[in-house]
All heavy atoms as atom14 arrays in JSON, in Angstrom:
{
  "sequence": "MGWYRQAPGKERELVAAITSGGTTTYADSVKGRFTISRDNAKNTVY",
  "atom14_mask": [
    [1, 1, 1, 1, 1, 1, 1, 1, 0, 0, 0, 0, 0, 0],
    [1, 1, 1, 1, 0, 0, 0, 0, 0, 0, 0, 0, 0, 0],
    [1, 1, 1, 1, 1, 1, 1, 1, 1, 1, 1, 1, 1, 1],
    [1, 1, 1, 1, 1, 1, 1, 1, 1, 1, 1, 1, 0, 0],
    [1, 1, 1, 1, 1, 1, 1, 1, 1, 1, 1, 0, 0, 0],
    [1, 1, 1, 1, 1, 1, 1, 1, 1, 0, 0, 0, 0, 0],
    [1, 1, 1, 1, 1, 0, 0, 0, 0, 0, 0, 0, 0, 0],
    [1, 1, 1, 1, 1, 1, 1, 0, 0, 0, 0, 0, 0, 0],
    [1, 1, 1, 1, 0, 0, 0, 0, 0, 0, 0, 0, 0, 0],
    [1, 1, 1, 1, 1, 1, 1, 1, 1, 0, 0, 0, 0, 0],
    [1, 1, 1, 1, 1, 1, 1, 1, 1, 0, 0, 0, 0, 0],
    [1, 1, 1, 1, 1, 1, 1, 1, 1, 1, 1, 0, 0, 0],
    [1, 1, 1, 1, 1, 1, 1, 1, 1, 0, 0, 0, 0, 0],
    [1, 1, 1, 1, 1, 1, 1, 1, 0, 0, 0, 0, 0, 0],
    [1, 1, 1, 1, 1, 1, 1, 0, 0, 0, 0, 0, 0, 0],
    [1, 1, 1, 1, 1, 0, 0, 0, 0, 0, 0, 0, 0, 0],
    [1, 1, 1, 1, 1, 0, 0, 0, 0, 0, 0, 0, 0, 0],
    [1, 1, 1, 1, 1, 1, 1, 1, 0, 0, 0, 0, 0, 0],
    [1, 1, 1, 1, 1, 1, 1, 0, 0, 0, 0, 0, 0, 0],
    [1, 1, 1, 1, 1, 1, 0, 0, 0, 0, 0, 0, 0, 0],
    [1, 1, 1, 1, 0, 0, 0, 0, 0, 0, 0, 0, 0, 0],
    [1, 1, 1, 1, 0, 0, 0, 0, 0, 0, 0, 0, 0, 0],
    [1, 1, 1, 1, 1, 1, 1, 0, 0, 0, 0, 0, 0, 0],
    [1, 1, 1, 1, 1, 1, 1, 0, 0, 0, 0, 0, 0, 0],
    [1, 1, 1, 1, 1, 1, 1, 0, 0, 0, 0, 0, 0, 0],
    [1, 1, 1, 1, 1, 1, 1, 1, 1, 1, 1, 1, 0, 0],
    [1, 1, 1, 1, 1, 0, 0, 0, 0, 0, 0, 0, 0, 0],
    [1, 1, 1, 1, 1, 1, 1, 1, 0, 0, 0, 0, 0, 0],
    [1, 1, 1, 1, 1, 1, 0, 0, 0, 0, 0, 0, 0, 0],
    [1, 1, 1, 1, 1, 1, 1, 0, 0, 0, 0, 0, 0, 0],
    [1, 1, 1, 1, 1, 1, 1, 1, 1, 0, 0, 0, 0, 0],
    [1, 1, 1, 1, 0, 0, 0, 0, 0, 0, 0, 0, 0, 0],
    [1, 1, 1, 1, 1, 1, 1, 1, 1, 1, 1, 0, 0, 0],
    [1, 1, 1, 1, 1, 1, 1, 1, 1, 1, 1, 0, 0, 0],
    [1, 1, 1, 1, 1, 1, 1, 0, 0, 0, 0, 0, 0, 0],
    [1, 1, 1, 1, 1, 1, 1, 1, 0, 0, 0, 0, 0, 0],
    [1, 1, 1, 1, 1, 1, 0, 0, 0, 0, 0, 0, 0, 0],
    [1, 1, 1, 1, 1, 1, 1, 1, 1, 1, 1, 0, 0, 0],
    [1, 1, 1, 1, 1, 1, 1, 1, 0, 0, 0, 0, 0, 0],
    [1, 1, 1, 1, 1, 1, 1, 1, 0, 0, 0, 0, 0, 0],
    [1, 1, 1, 1, 1, 0, 0, 0, 0, 0, 0, 0, 0, 0],
    [1, 1, 1, 1, 1, 1, 1, 1, 1, 0, 0, 0, 0, 0],
    [1, 1, 1, 1, 1, 1, 1, 1, 0, 0, 0, 0, 0, 0],
    [1, 1, 1, 1, 1, 1, 1, 0, 0, 0, 0, 0, 0, 0],
    [1, 1, 1, 1, 1, 1, 1, 0, 0, 0, 0, 0, 0, 0],
    [1, 1, 1, 1, 1, 1, 1, 1, 1, 1, 1, 1, 0, 0]
  ],
  "atom14_positions": [
    [[-68.71, 40.59, 82.2], [-69.11, 39.88, 81.0], [-69.58, 38.47, 81.39], [-69.25, 37.98, 82.5], [-67.94, 39.7, 80.06], [-67.42, 41.02, 79.49], [-65.97, 40.78, 78.36], [-66.82, 39.91, 76.99], [0.0, 0.0, 0.0], [0.0, 0.0, 0.0], [0.0, 0.0, 0.0], [0.0, 0.0, 0.0], [0.0, 0.0, 0.0], [0.0, 0.0, 0.0]],
    [[-70.39, 37.91, 80.58], [-70.84, 36.57, 80.84], [-71.88, 36.13, 79.74], [-71.86, 36.6, 78.63], [0.0, 0.0, 0.0], [0.0, 0.0, 0.0], [0.0, 0.0, 0.0], [0.0, 0.0, 0.0], [0.0, 0.0, 0.0], [0.0, 0.0, 0.0], [0.0, 0.0, 0.0], [0.0, 0.0, 0.0], [0.0, 0.0, 0.0], [0.0, 0.0, 0.0]],
    [[-72.69, 35.15, 80.15], [-73.71, 34.61, 79.24], [-75.11, 34.57, 79.81], [-75.19, 34.2, 81.02], [-73.29, 33.24, 78.81], [-72.37, 33.07, 77.72], [-72.59, 32.94, 76.37], [-70.94, 33.09, 77.84], [-71.42, 32.93, 75.65], [-70.35, 32.95, 76.51], [-70.06, 33.15, 78.92], [-68.99, 32.93, 76.29], [-68.7, 33.16, 78.7], [-68.14, 32.96, 77.38]],
    [[-76.04, 34.96, 79.03], [-77.43, 34.62, 79.22], [-77.78, 33.49, 78.26], [-77.12, 33.27, 77.29], [-78.37, 35.78, 78.96], [-78.41, 36.83, 80.1], [-77.41, 37.72, 80.26], [-79.57, 36.9, 80.9], [-77.5, 38.69, 81.25], [-79.63, 37.86, 81.89], [-78.61, 38.74, 82.1], [-78.68, 39.69, 83.12], [0.0, 0.0, 0.0], [0.0, 0.0, 0.0]],
    [[-78.84, 32.74, 78.58], [-79.36, 31.76, 77.67], [-80.84, 31.91, 77.57], [-81.46, 32.31, 78.46], [-78.94, 30.33, 78.06], [-79.6, 29.88, 79.31], [-79.04, 28.45, 79.65], [-79.6, 27.93, 80.9], [-79.21, 26.86, 81.51], [-78.14, 26.15, 81.07], [-79.81, 26.42, 82.62], [0.0, 0.0, 0.0], [0.0, 0.0, 0.0], [0.0, 0.0, 0.0]],
    [[-81.37, 31.43, 76.39], [-82.8, 31.48, 76.18], [-83.25, 30.24, 75.37], [-82.68, 30.01, 74.28], [-83.21, 32.74, 75.4], [-84.74, 32.92, 75.31], [-85.09, 34.33, 74.92], [-84.36, 35.06, 74.23], [-86.32, 34.7, 75.34], [0.0, 0.0, 0.0], [0.0, 0.0, 0.0], [0.0, 0.0, 0.0], [0.0, 0.0, 0.0], [0.0, 0.0, 0.0]],
    [[-84.13, 29.46, 75.92], [-84.72, 28.37, 75.37], [-86.06, 28.65, 74.8], [-86.71, 29.63, 75.31], [-84.75, 27.18, 76.34], [0.0, 0.0, 0.0], [0.0, 0.0, 0.0], [0.0, 0.0, 0.0], [0.0, 0.0, 0.0], [0.0, 0.0, 0.0], [0.0, 0.0, 0.0], [0.0, 0.0, 0.0], [0.0, 0.0, 0.0], [0.0, 0.0, 0.0]],
    [[-86.55, 27.99, 73.78], [-87.88, 28.26, 73.23], [-88.95, 28.27, 74.28], [-89.05, 27.32, 75.1], [-88.08, 27.2, 72.19], [-86.77, 26.78, 71.75], [-85.87, 26.89, 73.03], [0.0, 0.0, 0.0], [0.0, 0.0, 0.0], [0.0, 0.0, 0.0], [0.0, 0.0, 0.0], [0.0, 0.0, 0.0], [0.0, 0.0, 0.0], [0.0, 0.0, 0.0]],
    [[-89.74, 29.31, 74.34], [-90.82, 29.43, 75.27], [-90.41, 29.78, 76.67], [-91.25, 29.82, 77.61], [0.0, 0.0, 0.0], [0.0, 0.0, 0.0], [0.0, 0.0, 0.0], [0.0, 0.0, 0.0], [0.0, 0.0, 0.0], [0.0, 0.0, 0.0], [0.0, 0.0, 0.0], [0.0, 0.0, 0.0], [0.0, 0.0, 0.0], [0.0, 0.0, 0.0]],
    [[-89.12, 30.06, 76.91], [-88.59, 30.42, 78.23], [-88.03, 31.81, 78.21], [-87.68, 32.4, 77.16], [-87.54, 29.45, 78.68], [-87.97, 27.97, 78.69], [-89.0, 27.7, 79.75], [-89.33, 26.21, 79.74], [-90.38, 25.92, 80.79], [0.0, 0.0, 0.0], [0.0, 0.0, 0.0], [0.0, 0.0, 0.0], [0.0, 0.0, 0.0], [0.0, 0.0, 0.0]],
    [[-88.02, 32.39, 79.41], [-87.4, 33.74, 79.55], [-85.85, 33.63, 79.51], [-85.31, 32.59, 79.81], [-87.82, 34.36, 80.88], [-89.26, 34.67, 80.99], [-89.6, 35.43, 82.29], [-88.7, 35.57, 83.07], [-90.8, 35.82, 82.45], [0.0, 0.0, 0.0], [0.0, 0.0, 0.0], [0.0, 0.0, 0.0], [0.0, 0.0, 0.0], [0.0, 0.0, 0.0]],
    [[-85.26, 34.69, 79.02], [-83.79, 34.72, 79.02], [-83.37, 34.78, 80.48], [-83.84, 35.47, 81.34], [-83.36, 35.98, 78.28], [-81.79, 36.02, 78.13], [-81.44, 37.25, 77.27], [-81.88, 37.1, 75.92], [-81.63, 37.91, 74.91], [-80.9, 39.0, 75.19], [-82.15, 37.7, 73.73], [0.0, 0.0, 0.0], [0.0, 0.0, 0.0], [0.0, 0.0, 0.0]],
    [[-82.34, 33.89, 80.8], [-81.81, 33.84, 82.17], [-80.35, 33.97, 82.18], [-79.62, 33.51, 81.29], [-82.22, 32.53, 82.83], [-81.64, 31.31, 82.2], [-82.03, 30.0, 82.93], [-82.6, 30.1, 83.99], [-81.72, 28.92, 82.37], [0.0, 0.0, 0.0], [0.0, 0.0, 0.0], [0.0, 0.0, 0.0], [0.0, 0.0, 0.0], [0.0, 0.0, 0.0]],
    [[-79.78, 34.55, 83.29], [-78.37, 34.67, 83.45], [-77.82, 33.32, 83.82], [-78.28, 32.59, 84.73], [-78.07, 35.64, 84.57], [-76.54, 35.85, 84.88], [-75.83, 36.48, 83.72], [-76.44, 36.66, 86.18], [0.0, 0.0, 0.0], [0.0, 0.0, 0.0], [0.0, 0.0, 0.0], [0.0, 0.0, 0.0], [0.0, 0.0, 0.0], [0.0, 0.0, 0.0]],
    [[-76.78, 32.91, 83.09], [-76.09, 31.61, 83.35], [-74.86, 31.87, 84.19], [-74.71, 31.18, 85.26], [-75.62, 30.97, 81.97], [-74.88, 29.64, 82.26], [-76.89, 30.7, 81.12], [0.0, 0.0, 0.0], [0.0, 0.0, 0.0], [0.0, 0.0, 0.0], [0.0, 0.0, 0.0], [0.0, 0.0, 0.0], [0.0, 0.0, 0.0], [0.0, 0.0, 0.0]],
    [[-73.97, 32.74, 83.82], [-72.77, 33.05, 84.57], [-72.26, 34.4, 84.12], [-72.47, 34.82, 83.03], [-71.73, 31.94, 84.27], [0.0, 0.0, 0.0], [0.0, 0.0, 0.0], [0.0, 0.0, 0.0], [0.0, 0.0, 0.0], [0.0, 0.0, 0.0], [0.0, 0.0, 0.0], [0.0, 0.0, 0.0], [0.0, 0.0, 0.0], [0.0, 0.0, 0.0]],
    [[-71.5, 35.01, 85.09], [-70.89, 36.25, 84.75], [-69.59, 36.43, 85.56], [-69.46, 35.78, 86.63], [-71.84, 37.48, 85.06], [0.0, 0.0, 0.0], [0.0, 0.0, 0.0], [0.0, 0.0, 0.0], [0.0, 0.0, 0.0], [0.0, 0.0, 0.0], [0.0, 0.0, 0.0], [0.0, 0.0, 0.0], [0.0, 0.0, 0.0], [0.0, 0.0, 0.0]],
    [[-68.74, 37.26, 85.1], [-67.48, 37.51, 85.78], [-67.14, 39.01, 85.56], [-67.22, 39.53, 84.48], [-66.38, 36.55, 85.31], [-65.08, 36.74, 86.06], [-66.12, 36.73, 83.76], [-64.07, 35.68, 85.81], [0.0, 0.0, 0.0], [0.0, 0.0, 0.0], [0.0, 0.0, 0.0], [0.0, 0.0, 0.0], [0.0, 0.0, 0.0], [0.0, 0.0, 0.0]],
    [[-66.65, 39.62, 86.61], [-66.29, 40.99, 86.55], [-64.83, 41.1, 86.14], [-64.05, 40.05, 86.14], [-66.44, 41.7, 87.93], [-65.42, 41.17, 88.83], [-67.84, 41.54, 88.48], [0.0, 0.0, 0.0], [0.0, 0.0, 0.0], [0.0, 0.0, 0.0], [0.0, 0.0, 0.0], [0.0, 0.0, 0.0], [0.0, 0.0, 0.0], [0.0, 0.0, 0.0]],
    [[-64.4, 42.28, 85.74], [-62.99, 42.44, 85.41], [-62.04, 42.15, 86.6], [-60.9, 41.87, 86.38], [-62.75, 43.88, 84.86], [-63.32, 44.85, 85.75], [0.0, 0.0, 0.0], [0.0, 0.0, 0.0], [0.0, 0.0, 0.0], [0.0, 0.0, 0.0], [0.0, 0.0, 0.0], [0.0, 0.0, 0.0], [0.0, 0.0, 0.0], [0.0, 0.0, 0.0]],
    [[-62.55, 42.22, 87.84], [-61.81, 41.88, 88.97], [-61.84, 40.42, 89.33], [-61.12, 39.96, 90.29], [0.0, 0.0, 0.0], [0.0, 0.0, 0.0], [0.0, 0.0, 0.0], [0.0, 0.0, 0.0], [0.0, 0.0, 0.0], [0.0, 0.0, 0.0], [0.0, 0.0, 0.0], [0.0, 0.0, 0.0], [0.0, 0.0, 0.0], [0.0, 0.0, 0.0]],
    [[-62.62, 39.63, 88.6], [-62.62, 38.22, 88.82], [-63.73, 37.66, 89.66], [-63.82, 36.43, 89.92], [0.0, 0.0, 0.0], [0.0, 0.0, 0.0], [0.0, 0.0, 0.0], [0.0, 0.0, 0.0], [0.0, 0.0, 0.0], [0.0, 0.0, 0.0], [0.0, 0.0, 0.0], [0.0, 0.0, 0.0], [0.0, 0.0, 0.0], [0.0, 0.0, 0.0]],
    [[-64.68, 38.47, 90.05], [-65.82, 38.0, 90.87], [-66.81, 37.31, 89.96], [-67.21, 37.86, 88.93], [-66.52, 39.2, 91.56], [-65.58, 39.77, 92.44], [-67.68, 38.65, 92.42], [0.0, 0.0, 0.0], [0.0, 0.0, 0.0], [0.0, 0.0, 0.0], [0.0, 0.0, 0.0], [0.0, 0.0, 0.0], [0.0, 0.0, 0.0], [0.0, 0.0, 0.0]],
    [[-67.23, 36.1, 90.32], [-68.08, 35.23, 89.53], [-69.54, 35.14, 90.05], [-69.67, 35.18, 91.31], [-67.51, 33.84, 89.22], [-67.28, 33.29, 90.51], [-66.18, 33.96, 88.53], [0.0, 0.0, 0.0], [0.0, 0.0, 0.0], [0.0, 0.0, 0.0], [0.0, 0.0, 0.0], [0.0, 0.0, 0.0], [0.0, 0.0, 0.0], [0.0, 0.0, 0.0]],
    [[-70.47, 34.91, 89.19], [-71.84, 34.68, 89.53], [-72.33, 33.54, 88.64], [-72.04, 33.49, 87.47], [-72.72, 35.91, 89.31], [-72.24, 36.98, 90.12], [-74.13, 35.58, 89.67], [0.0, 0.0, 0.0], [0.0, 0.0, 0.0], [0.0, 0.0, 0.0], [0.0, 0.0, 0.0], [0.0, 0.0, 0.0], [0.0, 0.0, 0.0], [0.0, 0.0, 0.0]],
    [[-73.07, 32.58, 89.29], [-73.61, 31.45, 88.54], [-75.12, 31.27, 88.9], [-75.55, 31.5, 90.01], [-72.9, 30.15, 88.91], [-71.43, 30.16, 88.53], [-70.45, 30.38, 89.42], [-71.05, 29.75, 87.23], [-69.12, 30.4, 89.09], [-69.78, 29.72, 86.89], [-68.77, 30.07, 87.8], [-67.41, 30.0, 87.45], [0.0, 0.0, 0.0], [0.0, 0.0, 0.0]],
    [[-75.87, 30.82, 87.9], [-77.19, 30.36, 88.17], [-77.13, 29.12, 88.98], [-76.19, 28.28, 88.88], [-77.92, 30.03, 86.88], [0.0, 0.0, 0.0], [0.0, 0.0, 0.0], [0.0, 0.0, 0.0], [0.0, 0.0, 0.0], [0.0, 0.0, 0.0], [0.0, 0.0, 0.0], [0.0, 0.0, 0.0], [0.0, 0.0, 0.0], [0.0, 0.0, 0.0]],
    [[-78.07, 28.93, 89.94], [-78.11, 27.76, 90.75], [-78.06, 26.45, 89.94], [-77.49, 25.45, 90.37], [-79.3, 27.76, 91.72], [-79.17, 28.82, 92.74], [-78.07, 29.3, 93.06], [-80.23, 29.16, 93.34], [0.0, 0.0, 0.0], [0.0, 0.0, 0.0], [0.0, 0.0, 0.0], [0.0, 0.0, 0.0], [0.0, 0.0, 0.0], [0.0, 0.0, 0.0]],
    [[-78.73, 26.48, 88.8], [-78.81, 25.27, 87.99], [-77.53, 24.76, 87.31], [-77.41, 23.63, 86.93], [-79.87, 25.48, 86.88], [-79.56, 26.52, 85.99], [0.0, 0.0, 0.0], [0.0, 0.0, 0.0], [0.0, 0.0, 0.0], [0.0, 0.0, 0.0], [0.0, 0.0, 0.0], [0.0, 0.0, 0.0], [0.0, 0.0, 0.0], [0.0, 0.0, 0.0]],
    [[-76.54, 25.66, 87.34], [-75.26, 25.31, 86.69], [-74.1, 25.25, 87.7], [-72.99, 24.86, 87.31], [-74.92, 26.26, 85.55], [-76.12, 26.33, 84.5], [-74.5, 27.63, 86.0], [0.0, 0.0, 0.0], [0.0, 0.0, 0.0], [0.0, 0.0, 0.0], [0.0, 0.0, 0.0], [0.0, 0.0, 0.0], [0.0, 0.0, 0.0], [0.0, 0.0, 0.0]],
    [[-74.3, 25.62, 88.93], [-73.22, 25.63, 89.92], [-72.62, 24.23, 90.03], [-73.37, 23.18, 90.09], [-73.69, 26.06, 91.28], [-74.04, 27.56, 91.35], [-74.5, 27.99, 92.72], [-74.73, 29.46, 92.78], [-75.26, 29.87, 94.11], [0.0, 0.0, 0.0], [0.0, 0.0, 0.0], [0.0, 0.0, 0.0], [0.0, 0.0, 0.0], [0.0, 0.0, 0.0]],
    [[-71.27, 24.18, 90.03], [-70.64, 22.89, 90.1], [-70.37, 22.23, 88.78], [-69.61, 21.22, 88.65], [0.0, 0.0, 0.0], [0.0, 0.0, 0.0], [0.0, 0.0, 0.0], [0.0, 0.0, 0.0], [0.0, 0.0, 0.0], [0.0, 0.0, 0.0], [0.0, 0.0, 0.0], [0.0, 0.0, 0.0], [0.0, 0.0, 0.0], [0.0, 0.0, 0.0]],
    [[-71.06, 22.69, 87.75], [-70.87, 22.11, 86.36], [-70.24, 23.04, 85.44], [-69.5, 22.65, 84.55], [-72.26, 21.68, 85.81], [-72.96, 20.63, 86.68], [-74.26, 20.12, 85.96], [-75.2, 21.15, 85.7], [-75.65, 21.51, 84.58], [-75.21, 20.95, 83.44], [-76.58, 22.51, 84.51], [0.0, 0.0, 0.0], [0.0, 0.0, 0.0], [0.0, 0.0, 0.0]],
    [[-70.54, 24.38, 85.56], [-70.01, 25.41, 84.63], [-68.94, 26.21, 85.4], [-69.03, 26.46, 86.56], [-71.08, 26.31, 84.13], [-72.08, 25.69, 83.22], [-72.19, 24.33, 83.01], [-73.0, 26.52, 82.57], [-73.08, 23.77, 82.2], [-74.0, 25.91, 81.73], [-74.02, 24.58, 81.51], [0.0, 0.0, 0.0], [0.0, 0.0, 0.0], [0.0, 0.0, 0.0]],
    [[-67.96, 26.63, 84.66], [-66.9, 27.53, 85.2], [-66.7, 28.68, 84.18], [-66.39, 28.41, 83.01], [-65.63, 26.75, 85.41], [-65.85, 25.67, 86.34], [-64.57, 27.73, 86.08], [0.0, 0.0, 0.0], [0.0, 0.0, 0.0], [0.0, 0.0, 0.0], [0.0, 0.0, 0.0], [0.0, 0.0, 0.0], [0.0, 0.0, 0.0], [0.0, 0.0, 0.0]],
    [[-66.79, 29.91, 84.64], [-66.47, 31.02, 83.86], [-65.11, 31.56, 84.15], [-64.76, 31.62, 85.35], [-67.59, 32.08, 83.96], [-67.43, 33.17, 82.88], [-67.63, 32.7, 85.35], [-68.67, 34.09, 82.72], [0.0, 0.0, 0.0], [0.0, 0.0, 0.0], [0.0, 0.0, 0.0], [0.0, 0.0, 0.0], [0.0, 0.0, 0.0], [0.0, 0.0, 0.0]],
    [[-64.36, 32.0, 83.2], [-63.08, 32.66, 83.42], [-62.85, 33.73, 82.35], [-63.68, 33.87, 81.4], [-61.95, 31.59, 83.39], [-61.98, 30.96, 82.11], [0.0, 0.0, 0.0], [0.0, 0.0, 0.0], [0.0, 0.0, 0.0], [0.0, 0.0, 0.0], [0.0, 0.0, 0.0], [0.0, 0.0, 0.0], [0.0, 0.0, 0.0], [0.0, 0.0, 0.0]],
    [[-61.82, 34.45, 82.55], [-61.58, 35.52, 81.49], [-60.04, 35.81, 81.41], [-59.3, 35.53, 82.37], [-62.3, 36.81, 81.83], [-61.94, 37.52, 83.12], [-62.85, 38.71, 83.35], [-62.72, 39.76, 82.37], [-63.62, 40.7, 82.13], [-64.74, 40.71, 82.85], [-63.42, 41.59, 81.2], [0.0, 0.0, 0.0], [0.0, 0.0, 0.0], [0.0, 0.0, 0.0]],
    [[-59.67, 36.28, 80.25], [-58.35, 36.7, 79.98], [-58.45, 38.17, 79.58], [-58.84, 38.49, 78.45], [-57.71, 35.88, 78.84], [-56.26, 36.24, 78.57], [-55.83, 37.33, 78.97], [-55.56, 35.4, 77.97], [0.0, 0.0, 0.0], [0.0, 0.0, 0.0], [0.0, 0.0, 0.0], [0.0, 0.0, 0.0], [0.0, 0.0, 0.0], [0.0, 0.0, 0.0]],
    [[-58.14, 39.04, 80.52], [-58.37, 40.52, 80.3], [-57.43, 41.01, 79.19], [-57.82, 41.94, 78.48], [-58.15, 41.24, 81.58], [-59.25, 41.01, 82.61], [-60.33, 40.72, 82.27], [-58.85, 41.26, 83.9], [0.0, 0.0, 0.0], [0.0, 0.0, 0.0], [0.0, 0.0, 0.0], [0.0, 0.0, 0.0], [0.0, 0.0, 0.0], [0.0, 0.0, 0.0]],
    [[-56.25, 40.4, 79.07], [-55.36, 40.88, 78.03], [-55.9, 40.6, 76.67], [-55.63, 41.36, 75.69], [-53.98, 40.23, 78.19], [0.0, 0.0, 0.0], [0.0, 0.0, 0.0], [0.0, 0.0, 0.0], [0.0, 0.0, 0.0], [0.0, 0.0, 0.0], [0.0, 0.0, 0.0], [0.0, 0.0, 0.0], [0.0, 0.0, 0.0], [0.0, 0.0, 0.0]],
    [[-56.7, 39.57, 76.51], [-57.3, 39.22, 75.18], [-58.78, 39.7, 75.1], [-59.38, 39.48, 74.0], [-57.25, 37.7, 75.03], [-55.86, 37.12, 74.92], [-55.88, 35.62, 74.63], [-54.5, 35.06, 74.58], [-54.47, 33.61, 74.37], [0.0, 0.0, 0.0], [0.0, 0.0, 0.0], [0.0, 0.0, 0.0], [0.0, 0.0, 0.0], [0.0, 0.0, 0.0]],
    [[-59.3, 40.32, 76.15], [-60.68, 40.68, 76.16], [-61.56, 39.52, 75.83], [-62.62, 39.72, 75.04], [-60.96, 41.85, 75.19], [-60.23, 43.14, 75.64], [-60.2, 43.49, 76.84], [-59.67, 43.88, 74.71], [0.0, 0.0, 0.0], [0.0, 0.0, 0.0], [0.0, 0.0, 0.0], [0.0, 0.0, 0.0], [0.0, 0.0, 0.0], [0.0, 0.0, 0.0]],
    [[-61.3, 38.36, 76.43], [-62.05, 37.18, 76.1], [-62.5, 36.52, 77.37], [-61.74, 36.51, 78.37], [-61.16, 36.24, 75.35], [-60.73, 36.81, 74.05], [-61.86, 34.9, 75.05], [0.0, 0.0, 0.0], [0.0, 0.0, 0.0], [0.0, 0.0, 0.0], [0.0, 0.0, 0.0], [0.0, 0.0, 0.0], [0.0, 0.0, 0.0], [0.0, 0.0, 0.0]],
    [[-63.7, 36.01, 77.34], [-64.27, 35.19, 78.49], [-64.52, 33.8, 77.95], [-64.82, 33.62, 76.76], [-65.53, 35.85, 79.11], [-65.19, 37.15, 79.78], [-66.58, 36.03, 78.07], [0.0, 0.0, 0.0], [0.0, 0.0, 0.0], [0.0, 0.0, 0.0], [0.0, 0.0, 0.0], [0.0, 0.0, 0.0], [0.0, 0.0, 0.0], [0.0, 0.0, 0.0]],
    [[-64.44, 32.89, 78.84], [-64.69, 31.46, 78.55], [-65.73, 30.85, 79.48], [-65.71, 31.2, 80.67], [-63.4, 30.66, 78.67], [-62.21, 31.24, 77.84], [-61.35, 32.07, 78.52], [-62.04, 30.92, 76.53], [-60.26, 32.66, 77.78], [-60.99, 31.45, 75.81], [-60.08, 32.31, 76.43], [-59.09, 32.84, 75.72], [0.0, 0.0, 0.0], [0.0, 0.0, 0.0]]
  ]
}
């Protein structure tokens, strides 16, 4: 699970993602600023 974002006139891009096992992925533009996490018991990502 994670987030894509889309700005007007721009392509949709992956921002961040996290697997059920906790492996994370970030766009280079947000590394160090954004943090993705999840609570599997609540089926919620932040």
